[in-house]
């Protein structure tokens, strides 16, 4: 115990009392400043003015902190962490057509990016083809438009899939986009077992926060577990789910809610895999996570450390994992888009740098840094370069990667890590009492919790209790808007024309037969990845594949929550 190993702890407590008297007297003598940060985290946890050894008097170092690469992994999932391998610098990118995005990928790789991350447009995210009237005006706007295997091939033209890892942020149609990627590998002569990367494929988060769902929860979970099983058997270096707290946070949650709801989703996926008959150690090592990094620096660091500890204990003690790799929470981090401001956009460079630093000090395996102009539009090449350079400066100039978990042992960080874990455990107990994750989704529990948190935060902003520089404090009236990336209507016209040409030259009979076989498989209980892959090879479009599944599975409509 720390109190047994720290001689002089009682002396420290007496000295702390003396300091507290001086602190109170000092505050009474000084006038209150005009602007003062709230003495609490963004999640509302109160922050003491000072932390000392007595803050950790009941902490067992070996059981709760330990060493990097050893249970409970509080200090990191690998023994050497960044001493041997830096975090992957993976900038999220996608806009317009596949050819335009391919140019951006090549540019970023030339600038030193070490991994690719695909942003899809809204029609693609929702399983709609570019000529679907529902997606009118949205083609290529918030990401790249991908309708078929031909588009996916253009997206990675000239990029050897053996030499990069690719992350794809897609959920409801995730199985289809993964199948297209596998088929592109086949065209390049790269077998599936040589492909590396991550598929978001986190449908539970969609019902909770982002709302990009298509099918009801049960068939959606079937698709997720089909992908997990297929990857375990055929793509061993692929992460079939990136369990995402990022979008939960962007929807307005606190860091505590992001931590608890994300891990609860992760446990639900583990349980679904086990119920499917998969041994936990067969698929759990390939699960990964995706977290937000917001502006409350130390709370974010504590969140990542608590997440690793919770995951390791649950996997070992509740799910019986015996392979050490099943206990390792490996995660990607993206700086917070919701923290960026349209006012004084240059300030966003500083925000992103601090958020990225928190992610690195928290032990992330992969990182995306938002560009300063993303609050206004998709990033320009220059803004994306600055964002990448931010990562490189952290990695190579600051010295923070020279030692492992440099904040470990901080009285404040360790105590805050403990509190984050305790608050998450309280949420787990309530989720279990309500019947689990799917029941909580149907009840609107997660949605209400997030909405309440967002409302409280907005009240703090409106009242001036919480300050955001350039928004409700230190404002300016002489701002100039930066040059923005513009996606014109010609992009949609070009994509629709390309799609029309594809339909004219492909073998329509082969497409129809492949879609029929997919529907037959969907009515049964076989893994759907092989028939989806056959549809992609036949040049069926994403919208056609989703449409075939929709006829079998139906669609989901959320019940309103108040």
Protein backbone atom coordinates (compact mmCIF):
# COMPACT_ATOMS: atom_id res chain seq x y z
CA UNK A 1 0.00 0.00 0.00
CA UNK A 2 1.23 3.49 -0.75
CA UNK A 3 0.68 4.63 2.84
CA UNK A 4 2.94 1.80 4.00
CA UNK A 5 5.67 2.75 1.55
CA UNK A 6 5.61 6.52 2.03
CA UNK A 7 7.29 7.45 5.31
CA UNK A 8 6.28 10.81 6.64
CA UNK A 9 2.69 10.63 5.40
CA UNK A 10 1.34 11.89 8.73
CA UNK A 11 3.87 14.71 8.61
CA UNK A 12 2.61 15.45 5.10
CA UNK A 13 -0.97 15.70 6.38
CA UNK A 14 0.05 18.13 9.11
CA UNK A 15 1.96 20.21 6.55
CA UNK A 16 -1.08 20.06 4.26
CA UNK A 17 -3.21 21.55 7.03
CA UNK A 18 -0.71 24.39 7.47
CA UNK A 19 -0.70 25.02 3.73
CA UNK A 20 -4.51 25.03 3.65
CA UNK A 21 -4.59 27.78 6.26
CA UNK A 22 -2.15 29.87 4.23
CA UNK A 23 -4.16 29.15 1.05
CA UNK A 24 -7.42 30.35 2.60
CA UNK A 25 -5.80 33.46 4.01
CA UNK A 26 -4.19 34.27 0.66
CA UNK A 27 -7.50 33.97 -1.17
CA UNK A 28 -9.23 36.25 1.31
CA UNK A 29 -6.65 38.98 0.72
CA UNK A 30 -6.83 38.91 -3.07
CA UNK A 31 -9.72 40.30 -5.16
CA UNK A 32 -11.40 37.77 -7.45
CA UNK A 33 -10.22 38.08 -11.09
CA UNK A 34 -12.69 38.85 -13.87
CA UNK A 35 -12.15 35.49 -15.55
CA UNK A 36 -11.55 32.33 -13.54
CA UNK A 37 -11.81 28.68 -14.66
CA UNK A 38 -14.35 26.47 -12.93
CA UNK A 39 -12.75 24.27 -10.21
CA UNK A 40 -14.21 21.12 -11.74
CA UNK A 41 -13.64 18.90 -14.74
CA UNK A 42 -15.80 19.08 -17.86
CA UNK A 43 -17.65 16.07 -16.44
CA UNK A 44 -18.42 18.03 -13.28
CA UNK A 45 -15.98 16.26 -10.94
CA UNK A 46 -14.75 18.75 -8.31
CA UNK A 47 -11.02 19.49 -8.39
CA UNK A 48 -9.13 20.10 -5.16
CA UNK A 49 -6.65 22.98 -5.15
CA UNK A 50 -3.77 20.61 -4.29
CA UNK A 51 -3.07 16.87 -4.35
CA UNK A 52 -0.50 15.18 -2.11
CA UNK A 53 0.50 11.61 -1.09
CA UNK A 54 -2.48 11.55 1.26
CA UNK A 55 -4.72 11.71 -1.84
CA UNK A 56 -3.57 8.16 -2.65
CA UNK A 57 -3.14 6.78 0.85
CA UNK A 58 -5.28 3.69 0.17
CA UNK A 59 -3.90 2.96 -3.29
CA UNK A 60 -2.16 -0.35 -4.00
CA UNK A 61 0.44 0.47 -6.64
CA UNK A 62 0.79 -3.03 -8.09
CA UNK A 63 -2.97 -3.65 -8.30
CA UNK A 64 -4.06 -0.33 -9.77
CA UNK A 65 -1.06 1.30 -11.45
CA UNK A 66 1.67 -1.25 -12.09
CA UNK A 67 3.97 -1.23 -15.07
CA UNK A 68 3.51 -0.66 -18.82
CA UNK A 69 2.68 -3.85 -20.69
CA UNK A 70 1.54 -5.60 -17.51
CA UNK A 71 -1.86 -6.03 -15.87
CA UNK A 72 -3.87 -3.84 -15.32
CA UNK A 73 -2.21 -1.81 -18.13
CA UNK A 74 -2.97 1.55 -16.53
CA UNK A 75 0.40 2.83 -17.73
CA UNK A 76 0.13 1.49 -21.28
CA UNK A 77 -0.51 -1.68 -23.25
CA UNK A 78 3.09 -2.26 -24.36
CA UNK A 79 6.29 -2.61 -22.34
CA UNK A 80 8.21 -0.05 -24.39
CA UNK A 81 5.37 2.15 -25.70
CA UNK A 82 6.75 5.03 -27.81
CA UNK A 83 10.38 4.19 -27.05
CA UNK A 84 10.26 1.63 -29.87
CA UNK A 85 7.23 2.64 -31.97
CA UNK A 86 5.47 5.97 -32.15
CA UNK A 87 1.72 6.32 -32.44
CA UNK A 88 0.42 5.98 -36.01
CA UNK A 89 -0.22 9.39 -37.56
CA UNK A 90 -3.50 8.76 -39.33
CA UNK A 91 -5.21 11.86 -40.73
CA UNK A 92 -8.94 11.43 -41.43
CA UNK A 93 -9.55 12.49 -45.03
CA UNK A 94 -12.12 12.22 -47.79
CA UNK A 95 -14.00 14.59 -50.06
CA UNK A 96 -15.57 14.71 -53.48
CA UNK A 97 -14.69 11.83 -55.76
CA UNK A 98 -12.39 8.88 -55.14
CA UNK A 99 -9.82 10.37 -57.53
CA UNK A 100 -9.73 13.70 -55.65
CA UNK A 101 -9.36 11.96 -52.30
CA UNK A 102 -6.61 9.74 -53.71
CA UNK A 103 -4.64 12.90 -54.45
CA UNK A 104 -5.06 14.05 -50.83
CA UNK A 105 -3.89 10.63 -49.56
CA UNK A 106 -0.78 10.78 -51.70
CA UNK A 107 -0.08 14.30 -50.45
CA UNK A 108 -0.44 13.30 -46.80
CA UNK A 109 1.74 10.22 -47.24
CA UNK A 110 4.41 12.42 -48.83
CA UNK A 111 4.18 14.72 -45.80
CA UNK A 112 4.97 11.85 -43.41
CA UNK A 113 1.56 10.45 -42.54
CA UNK A 114 1.92 6.79 -41.54
CA UNK A 115 -1.64 5.47 -41.97
CA UNK A 116 -4.77 6.18 -44.00
CA UNK A 117 -8.22 7.00 -42.64
CA UNK A 118 -11.24 7.20 -44.93
CA UNK A 119 -14.04 9.72 -44.43
CA UNK A 120 -17.13 8.79 -46.44
CA UNK A 121 -19.87 11.15 -47.58
CA UNK A 122 -23.35 11.01 -46.09
CA UNK A 123 -25.03 8.95 -48.84
CA UNK A 124 -22.30 6.30 -48.49
CA UNK A 125 -22.63 6.30 -44.70
CA UNK A 126 -26.37 5.76 -45.05
CA UNK A 127 -26.12 3.02 -47.70
CA UNK A 128 -27.41 5.18 -50.56
CA UNK A 129 -26.00 5.42 -54.07
CA UNK A 130 -24.96 8.82 -55.39
CA UNK A 131 -27.97 9.01 -57.71
CA UNK A 132 -30.47 8.27 -54.93
CA UNK A 133 -32.84 11.28 -54.60
CA UNK A 134 -32.53 11.04 -50.80
CA UNK A 135 -28.87 12.06 -51.04
CA UNK A 136 -29.36 14.97 -53.43
CA UNK A 137 -26.89 17.75 -52.64
CA UNK A 138 -24.82 15.64 -50.21
CA UNK A 139 -22.61 13.68 -52.62
CA UNK A 140 -18.94 14.22 -51.77
CA UNK A 141 -19.71 16.98 -49.29
CA UNK A 142 -18.59 15.57 -45.95
CA UNK A 143 -16.41 12.78 -47.30
CA UNK A 144 -15.67 10.71 -50.37
CA UNK A 145 -18.46 9.16 -52.45
CA UNK A 146 -18.06 5.39 -52.85
CA UNK A 147 -20.73 3.57 -54.84
CA UNK A 148 -18.95 0.46 -56.07
CA UNK A 149 -15.76 -1.54 -56.21
CA UNK A 150 -14.65 0.70 -59.08
CA UNK A 151 -14.73 3.74 -56.80
CA UNK A 152 -12.84 1.89 -54.06
CA UNK A 153 -10.18 0.88 -56.57
CA UNK A 154 -9.76 4.51 -57.67
CA UNK A 155 -9.54 5.60 -54.03
CA UNK A 156 -6.42 3.47 -53.48
CA UNK A 157 -4.93 3.67 -56.96
CA UNK A 158 -1.14 3.71 -56.76
CA UNK A 159 -1.17 2.95 -53.01
CA UNK A 160 0.17 -0.48 -52.09
CA UNK A 161 -2.25 -1.95 -49.56
CA UNK A 162 0.58 -4.11 -48.22
CA UNK A 163 2.50 -1.01 -47.10
CA UNK A 164 -0.22 0.95 -45.29
CA UNK A 165 -2.93 0.30 -42.73
CA UNK A 166 -6.33 1.80 -43.47
CA UNK A 167 -9.07 2.88 -41.10
CA UNK A 168 -12.59 3.20 -42.48
CA UNK A 169 -15.16 5.18 -40.54
CA UNK A 170 -18.36 3.45 -41.59
CA UNK A 171 -20.95 1.60 -39.57
CA UNK A 172 -24.27 0.31 -40.87
CA UNK A 173 -22.88 -0.59 -44.35
CA UNK A 174 -19.44 -1.48 -42.87
CA UNK A 175 -19.50 -5.07 -44.13
CA UNK A 176 -20.00 -3.84 -47.69
CA UNK A 177 -17.12 -1.34 -47.61
CA UNK A 178 -14.82 -3.94 -46.05
CA UNK A 179 -15.75 -6.36 -48.84
CA UNK A 180 -14.88 -3.70 -51.42
CA UNK A 181 -11.50 -3.16 -49.73
CA UNK A 182 -10.78 -6.90 -49.76
CA UNK A 183 -11.70 -7.00 -53.47
CA UNK A 184 -9.34 -4.09 -54.20
CA UNK A 185 -6.61 -6.06 -52.45
CA UNK A 186 -7.40 -8.99 -54.72
CA UNK A 187 -7.00 -6.75 -57.77
CA UNK A 188 -3.63 -5.58 -56.43
CA UNK A 189 -2.54 -9.14 -55.76
CA UNK A 190 -2.65 -8.63 -52.00
CA UNK A 191 -4.30 -11.57 -50.21
CA UNK A 192 -6.75 -10.80 -47.43
CA UNK A 193 -4.42 -12.14 -44.75
CA UNK A 194 -1.89 -9.42 -45.70
CA UNK A 195 -4.34 -6.53 -45.27
CA UNK A 196 -4.11 -4.40 -42.15
CA UNK A 197 -6.44 -1.79 -40.79
CA UNK A 198 -9.57 -1.01 -38.84
CA UNK A 199 -13.27 -0.94 -39.58
CA UNK A 200 -15.39 1.20 -37.29
CA UNK A 201 -18.42 -1.12 -37.58
CA UNK A 202 -19.79 0.13 -34.23
CA UNK A 203 -23.54 0.02 -34.73
CA UNK A 204 -24.47 0.36 -31.04
CA UNK A 205 -22.92 3.81 -30.96
CA UNK A 206 -25.09 4.78 -33.92
CA UNK A 207 -28.28 4.07 -32.00
CA UNK A 208 -26.87 5.91 -28.98
CA UNK A 209 -25.38 9.02 -30.58
CA UNK A 210 -24.67 9.41 -34.29
CA UNK A 211 -27.93 8.01 -35.72
CA UNK A 212 -26.46 6.68 -38.97
CA UNK A 213 -28.33 3.39 -38.71
CA UNK A 214 -30.30 1.54 -41.37
CA UNK A 215 -31.49 -1.81 -40.02
CA UNK A 216 -33.00 -2.71 -36.62
CA UNK A 217 -30.56 -3.57 -33.80
CA UNK A 218 -30.74 -7.37 -34.05
CA UNK A 219 -29.88 -7.78 -37.76
CA UNK A 220 -27.36 -4.97 -37.38
CA UNK A 221 -25.63 -6.89 -34.60
CA UNK A 222 -25.69 -9.96 -36.82
CA UNK A 223 -23.77 -8.06 -39.51
CA UNK A 224 -21.25 -6.86 -36.93
CA UNK A 225 -20.60 -10.36 -35.61
CA UNK A 226 -20.44 -11.72 -39.18
CA UNK A 227 -17.61 -9.27 -39.85
CA UNK A 228 -15.87 -10.25 -36.60
CA UNK A 229 -16.06 -13.95 -37.46
CA UNK A 230 -14.97 -13.39 -41.07
CA UNK A 231 -11.97 -11.31 -40.03
CA UNK A 232 -10.93 -13.83 -37.37
CA UNK A 233 -10.86 -16.54 -40.04
CA UNK A 234 -9.58 -14.58 -43.06
CA UNK A 235 -8.03 -11.20 -42.16
CA UNK A 236 -6.05 -11.78 -38.95
CA UNK A 237 -4.38 -8.36 -39.03
CA UNK A 238 -7.66 -6.46 -39.33
CA UNK A 239 -9.53 -4.84 -36.41
CA UNK A 240 -13.19 -5.69 -37.21
CA UNK A 241 -14.69 -3.17 -34.76
CA UNK A 242 -13.43 0.19 -33.59
CA UNK A 243 -15.65 0.69 -30.57
CA UNK A 244 -16.21 4.40 -30.70
CA UNK A 245 -16.66 6.88 -27.91
CA UNK A 246 -15.75 9.73 -30.23
CA UNK A 247 -19.23 10.30 -31.58
CA UNK A 248 -20.80 9.82 -28.16
CA UNK A 249 -18.64 12.74 -26.99
CA UNK A 250 -19.39 14.80 -30.08
CA UNK A 251 -23.10 14.35 -29.36
CA UNK A 252 -22.60 16.18 -26.05
CA UNK A 253 -21.63 13.57 -23.48
CA UNK A 254 -19.19 14.09 -20.65
CA UNK A 255 -15.85 12.29 -20.53
CA UNK A 256 -17.29 9.94 -17.90
CA UNK A 257 -20.26 9.07 -20.12
CA UNK A 258 -17.95 8.57 -23.10
CA UNK A 259 -15.82 6.21 -21.02
CA UNK A 260 -18.74 4.24 -19.57
CA UNK A 261 -20.98 4.02 -22.64
CA UNK A 262 -18.10 3.09 -24.96
CA UNK A 263 -16.87 0.29 -22.73
CA UNK A 264 -20.44 -0.92 -22.20
CA UNK A 265 -20.76 -1.20 -25.99
CA UNK A 266 -17.47 -3.10 -26.06
CA UNK A 267 -18.70 -5.58 -23.48
CA UNK A 268 -21.92 -6.04 -25.50
CA UNK A 269 -19.88 -6.93 -28.60
CA UNK A 270 -17.85 -9.43 -26.58
CA UNK A 271 -21.04 -11.03 -25.32
CA UNK A 272 -22.47 -11.16 -28.85
CA UNK A 273 -19.34 -12.90 -30.11
CA UNK A 274 -19.42 -15.43 -27.29
CA UNK A 275 -23.13 -16.09 -27.89
CA UNK A 276 -22.24 -16.68 -31.55
CA UNK A 277 -19.96 -19.50 -30.38
CA UNK A 278 -16.66 -17.71 -30.90
CA UNK A 279 -14.04 -18.32 -28.19
CA UNK A 280 -13.33 -14.96 -26.60
CA UNK A 281 -9.58 -15.21 -27.19
CA UNK A 282 -10.23 -15.88 -30.88
CA UNK A 283 -11.67 -12.44 -31.60
CA UNK A 284 -11.08 -10.13 -28.61
CA UNK A 285 -7.41 -9.42 -29.48
CA UNK A 286 -8.58 -7.71 -32.68
CA UNK A 287 -11.11 -5.39 -31.04
CA UNK A 288 -9.99 -1.79 -30.88
CA UNK A 289 -11.34 1.50 -29.54
CA UNK A 290 -11.73 5.07 -30.74
CA UNK A 291 -11.81 7.92 -28.24
CA UNK A 292 -12.27 11.66 -28.30
CA UNK A 293 -9.66 14.01 -26.85
CA UNK A 294 -11.35 17.12 -25.51
CA UNK A 295 -10.05 20.27 -23.84
CA UNK A 296 -9.95 19.15 -20.20
CA UNK A 297 -6.34 17.97 -20.38
CA UNK A 298 -5.96 15.91 -17.23
CA UNK A 299 -9.47 14.46 -17.37
CA UNK A 300 -8.71 13.12 -20.83
CA UNK A 301 -5.44 11.53 -19.69
CA UNK A 302 -7.22 9.95 -16.72
CA UNK A 303 -10.00 8.69 -19.00
CA UNK A 304 -7.60 6.69 -21.16
CA UNK A 305 -5.78 5.24 -18.16
CA UNK A 306 -9.04 4.22 -16.48
CA UNK A 307 -10.34 2.69 -19.72
CA UNK A 308 -7.36 0.37 -20.04
CA UNK A 309 -7.69 -0.76 -16.44
CA UNK A 310 -11.44 -1.40 -16.64
CA UNK A 311 -11.18 -3.31 -19.92
CA UNK A 312 -8.37 -5.57 -18.70
CA UNK A 313 -10.17 -6.49 -15.49
CA UNK A 314 -13.54 -7.16 -17.14
CA UNK A 315 -12.02 -9.24 -19.92
CA UNK A 316 -10.10 -11.36 -17.44
CA UNK A 317 -12.57 -11.63 -14.60
CA UNK A 318 -15.99 -11.59 -16.31
CA UNK A 319 -15.32 -13.00 -19.78
CA UNK A 320 -12.55 -15.43 -18.88
CA UNK A 321 -10.00 -14.19 -21.41
CA UNK A 322 -6.65 -15.91 -20.99
CA UNK A 323 -4.72 -14.56 -23.95
CA UNK A 324 -2.94 -11.40 -22.80
CA UNK A 325 -3.78 -9.73 -26.10
CA UNK A 326 -7.50 -9.94 -25.21
CA UNK A 327 -6.84 -7.72 -22.20
CA UNK A 328 -5.13 -4.95 -24.14
CA UNK A 329 -7.24 -1.90 -24.91
CA UNK A 330 -5.62 -0.42 -28.01
CA UNK A 331 -7.20 2.77 -29.23
CA UNK A 332 -7.17 5.50 -31.83
CA UNK A 333 -7.79 9.08 -30.77
CA UNK A 334 -9.18 12.06 -32.64
CA UNK A 335 -9.08 15.56 -31.25
CA UNK A 336 -12.50 17.00 -30.45
CA UNK A 337 -14.36 18.48 -33.37
CA UNK A 338 -16.99 19.90 -31.00
CA UNK A 339 -14.30 21.94 -29.20
CA UNK A 340 -13.38 23.85 -32.36
CA UNK A 341 -14.84 27.32 -32.76
CA UNK A 342 -15.92 29.25 -35.83
CA UNK A 343 -14.76 32.40 -34.04
CA UNK A 344 -11.01 33.08 -34.18
CA UNK A 345 -10.35 29.83 -36.04
CA UNK A 346 -6.58 30.16 -35.61
CA UNK A 347 -7.09 29.42 -31.92
CA UNK A 348 -8.12 25.92 -32.98
CA UNK A 349 -4.48 25.10 -33.74
CA UNK A 350 -3.68 25.55 -30.04
CA UNK A 351 -6.76 23.58 -28.98
CA UNK A 352 -5.88 20.68 -31.25
CA UNK A 353 -2.25 20.65 -30.10
CA UNK A 354 -3.23 20.40 -26.43
CA UNK A 355 -5.84 17.71 -27.12
CA UNK A 356 -3.32 15.73 -29.16
CA UNK A 357 -0.77 16.05 -26.36
CA UNK A 358 -3.30 14.67 -23.88
CA UNK A 359 -3.90 11.68 -26.19
CA UNK A 360 -0.17 10.97 -26.42
CA UNK A 361 0.37 11.33 -22.68
CA UNK A 362 -2.63 9.02 -22.25
CA UNK A 363 -0.96 6.34 -24.37
CA UNK A 364 -2.88 6.31 -27.67
CA UNK A 365 -1.78 3.93 -30.44
CA UNK A 366 -3.03 6.08 -33.30
CA UNK A 367 -3.93 9.75 -33.66
CA UNK A 368 -5.82 12.17 -35.89
CA UNK A 369 -5.49 15.90 -35.36
CA UNK A 370 -8.33 18.09 -36.60
CA UNK A 371 -7.55 20.97 -38.90
CA UNK A 372 -8.31 24.48 -37.68
CA UNK A 373 -10.89 25.11 -40.44
CA UNK A 374 -12.94 21.90 -39.98
CA UNK A 375 -15.58 23.77 -38.02
CA UNK A 376 -16.34 25.68 -41.24
CA UNK A 377 -15.68 23.14 -44.02
CA UNK A 378 -13.64 20.12 -44.96
CA UNK A 379 -9.96 20.99 -44.41
CA UNK A 380 -7.81 22.53 -47.09
CA UNK A 381 -4.53 20.81 -47.93
CA UNK A 382 -2.64 23.52 -46.03
CA UNK A 383 -4.77 23.16 -42.90
CA UNK A 384 -4.42 19.37 -43.05
CA UNK A 385 -0.65 19.76 -43.31
CA UNK A 386 -0.56 21.99 -40.22
CA UNK A 387 -2.62 19.42 -38.34
CA UNK A 388 -0.20 16.65 -39.32
CA UNK A 389 2.78 18.81 -38.40
CA UNK A 390 1.21 19.22 -34.94
CA UNK A 391 1.50 15.48 -34.40
CA UNK A 392 5.06 15.44 -35.70
CA UNK A 393 6.11 18.29 -33.39
CA UNK A 394 4.66 16.42 -30.40
CA UNK A 395 6.40 13.21 -31.46
CA UNK A 396 9.82 14.58 -32.35
CA UNK A 397 10.34 17.92 -30.57
CA UNK A 398 8.61 17.98 -27.19
CA UNK A 399 10.34 15.02 -25.52
CA UNK A 400 7.05 13.60 -24.21
CA UNK A 401 7.62 10.29 -26.03
CA UNK A 402 11.06 9.77 -24.47
CA UNK A 403 9.72 8.12 -21.32
CA UNK A 404 6.70 5.91 -20.74
CA UNK A 405 3.62 7.37 -19.03
CA UNK A 406 5.38 10.52 -17.77
CA UNK A 407 2.28 11.58 -15.82
CA UNK A 408 2.05 8.26 -13.98
CA UNK A 409 2.45 8.76 -10.24
CA UNK A 410 1.05 12.28 -10.33
CA UNK A 411 -1.13 12.57 -7.24
CA UNK A 412 -3.75 14.43 -9.25
CA UNK A 413 -3.71 12.14 -12.30
CA UNK A 414 -3.84 8.94 -10.26
CA UNK A 415 -6.65 10.20 -8.04
CA UNK A 416 -8.60 11.45 -11.05
CA UNK A 417 -8.08 8.09 -12.80
CA UNK A 418 -9.58 6.37 -9.75
CA UNK A 419 -12.60 8.68 -9.76
CA UNK A 420 -13.18 8.20 -13.49
CA UNK A 421 -13.13 4.44 -12.99
CA UNK A 422 -15.54 4.63 -10.05
CA UNK A 423 -18.00 6.82 -11.98
CA UNK A 424 -17.85 4.45 -14.96
CA UNK A 425 -18.56 1.48 -12.69
CA UNK A 426 -21.66 3.28 -11.39
CA UNK A 427 -22.91 3.59 -14.96
CA UNK A 428 -22.18 -0.10 -15.66
CA UNK A 429 -24.31 -1.07 -12.66
CA UNK A 430 -27.21 1.05 -13.89
CA UNK A 431 -26.93 -0.31 -17.45
CA UNK A 432 -27.00 -3.88 -16.10
CA UNK A 433 -29.97 -3.06 -13.88
CA UNK A 434 -31.87 -1.74 -16.90
CA UNK A 435 -31.31 -4.95 -18.88
CA UNK A 436 -28.13 -4.22 -20.81
CA UNK A 437 -27.05 -2.03 -23.71
CA UNK A 438 -29.78 -2.93 -26.21
CA UNK A 439 -32.49 -2.43 -23.59
CA UNK A 440 -31.02 0.94 -22.66
CA UNK A 441 -31.04 1.97 -26.32
CA UNK A 442 -34.69 1.03 -26.66
CA UNK A 443 -35.50 2.89 -23.43
CA UNK A 444 -33.65 6.01 -24.60
CA UNK A 445 -31.44 5.92 -21.50
CA UNK A 446 -28.15 6.78 -23.22
CA UNK A 447 -29.79 9.43 -25.35
CA UNK A 448 -31.33 11.19 -22.33
CA UNK A 449 -28.08 11.10 -20.36
CA UNK A 450 -26.17 12.67 -23.24
CA UNK A 451 -28.86 15.29 -23.88
CA UNK A 452 -28.88 16.28 -20.21
CA UNK A 453 -25.08 16.62 -20.19
CA UNK A 454 -25.12 18.76 -23.34
CA UNK A 455 -27.81 20.97 -21.83
CA UNK A 456 -25.81 21.49 -18.62
CA UNK A 457 -22.72 22.43 -20.62
CA UNK A 458 -24.66 24.92 -22.73
CA UNK A 459 -26.11 26.48 -19.58
CA UNK A 460 -22.58 26.98 -18.26
CA UNK A 461 -21.57 28.69 -21.50
CA UNK A 462 -24.65 30.89 -21.62
CA UNK A 463 -24.22 31.98 -18.01
CA UNK A 464 -20.51 32.66 -18.44
CA UNK A 465 -19.56 30.16 -15.73
CA UNK A 466 -17.51 28.23 -18.29
CA UNK A 467 -15.34 30.20 -20.69
CA UNK A 468 -14.43 29.47 -24.30
CA UNK A 469 -11.84 31.88 -25.66
CA UNK A 470 -13.17 33.90 -28.58
CA UNK A 471 -16.77 32.77 -27.99
CA UNK A 472 -17.93 34.12 -24.62
CA UNK A 473 -14.62 35.65 -23.49
CA UNK A 474 -11.81 37.56 -25.21
CA UNK A 475 -13.96 38.08 -28.29
CA UNK A 476 -13.04 40.02 -31.42
CA UNK A 477 -15.05 41.84 -34.07
CA UNK A 478 -12.46 42.12 -36.86
CA UNK A 479 -12.11 38.47 -37.89
CA UNK A 480 -11.45 37.37 -41.48
CA UNK A 481 -12.70 34.03 -42.73
CA UNK A 482 -9.90 31.77 -43.99
CA UNK A 483 -9.85 30.28 -47.46
CA UNK A 484 -12.06 27.18 -47.45
CA UNK A 485 -12.29 23.99 -49.47
CA UNK A 486 -15.37 24.18 -51.69
CA UNK A 487 -17.17 21.09 -53.01
CA UNK A 488 -19.23 22.26 -55.97
CA UNK A 489 -22.30 20.65 -57.60
CA UNK A 490 -20.11 19.41 -60.45
CA UNK A 491 -18.73 16.73 -58.11
CA UNK A 492 -22.17 15.17 -57.72
CA UNK A 493 -22.81 15.36 -61.46
CA UNK A 494 -19.49 13.65 -62.18
CA UNK A 495 -20.15 10.88 -59.65
CA UNK A 496 -23.68 10.25 -60.92
CA UNK A 497 -22.42 10.06 -64.52
CA UNK A 498 -19.73 7.57 -63.49
CA UNK A 499 -22.32 5.45 -61.71
CA UNK A 500 -24.59 5.46 -64.77
CA UNK A 501 -21.72 4.29 -66.98
CA UNK A 502 -20.95 1.48 -64.53
CA UNK A 503 -24.51 0.21 -64.67
CA UNK A 504 -24.48 0.27 -68.47
CA UNK A 505 -21.29 -1.77 -68.94
CA UNK A 506 -21.48 -4.32 -66.11
CA UNK A 507 -23.13 -7.75 -66.42
CA UNK A 508 -26.62 -7.10 -65.07
CA UNK A 509 -27.48 -10.78 -64.82
CA UNK A 510 -24.44 -11.47 -62.62
CA UNK A 511 -25.41 -8.57 -60.38
CA UNK A 512 -29.03 -9.75 -60.04
CA UNK A 513 -27.95 -13.33 -59.28
CA UNK A 514 -25.45 -12.18 -56.63
CA UNK A 515 -28.10 -10.02 -54.95
CA UNK A 516 -30.57 -12.92 -54.97
CA UNK A 517 -28.00 -15.17 -53.28
CA UNK A 518 -27.37 -12.48 -50.68
CA UNK A 519 -31.07 -12.23 -49.84
CA UNK A 520 -31.33 -16.00 -49.54
CA UNK A 521 -28.36 -16.01 -47.14
CA UNK A 522 -29.86 -13.14 -45.13
CA UNK A 523 -33.04 -15.17 -44.57
CA UNK A 524 -30.93 -17.93 -43.06
CA UNK A 525 -28.18 -17.82 -40.48
CA UNK A 526 -24.97 -18.13 -42.52
CA UNK A 527 -22.19 -15.53 -42.44
CA UNK A 528 -23.13 -12.74 -44.85
CA UNK A 529 -19.61 -11.57 -45.68
CA UNK A 530 -18.97 -14.12 -48.50
CA UNK A 531 -22.18 -13.30 -50.44
CA UNK A 532 -21.59 -9.55 -49.89
CA UNK A 533 -18.07 -10.00 -51.27
CA UNK A 534 -19.52 -11.78 -54.32
CA UNK A 535 -21.91 -8.85 -54.88
CA UNK A 536 -19.02 -6.38 -54.78
CA UNK A 537 -16.96 -8.45 -57.22
CA UNK A 538 -19.97 -8.49 -59.58
CA UNK A 539 -20.01 -4.65 -59.37
CA UNK A 540 -23.26 -4.37 -57.47
CA UNK A 541 -23.47 -0.92 -55.90
CA UNK A 542 -23.59 -0.21 -52.20
CA UNK A 543 -27.17 1.03 -52.51
CA UNK A 544 -28.24 -2.14 -54.30
CA UNK A 545 -26.65 -4.37 -51.66
CA UNK A 546 -28.22 -2.38 -48.82
CA UNK A 547 -31.55 -2.44 -50.65
CA UNK A 548 -31.44 -6.23 -50.89
CA UNK A 549 -30.75 -6.53 -47.18
CA UNK A 550 -33.39 -3.94 -46.33
CA UNK A 551 -36.06 -6.10 -47.97
CA UNK A 552 -35.15 -8.89 -45.52
CA UNK A 553 -34.21 -6.95 -42.37
CA UNK A 554 -36.46 -3.89 -42.58
CA UNK A 555 -35.45 -0.46 -41.27
CA UNK A 556 -35.19 1.08 -37.82
CA UNK A 557 -37.16 4.02 -36.48
CA UNK A 558 -36.12 5.44 -33.13
CA UNK A 559 -38.74 6.01 -30.47
CA UNK A 560 -38.69 9.63 -29.24
CA UNK A 561 -37.22 10.20 -25.78
CA UNK A 562 -38.09 13.13 -23.54
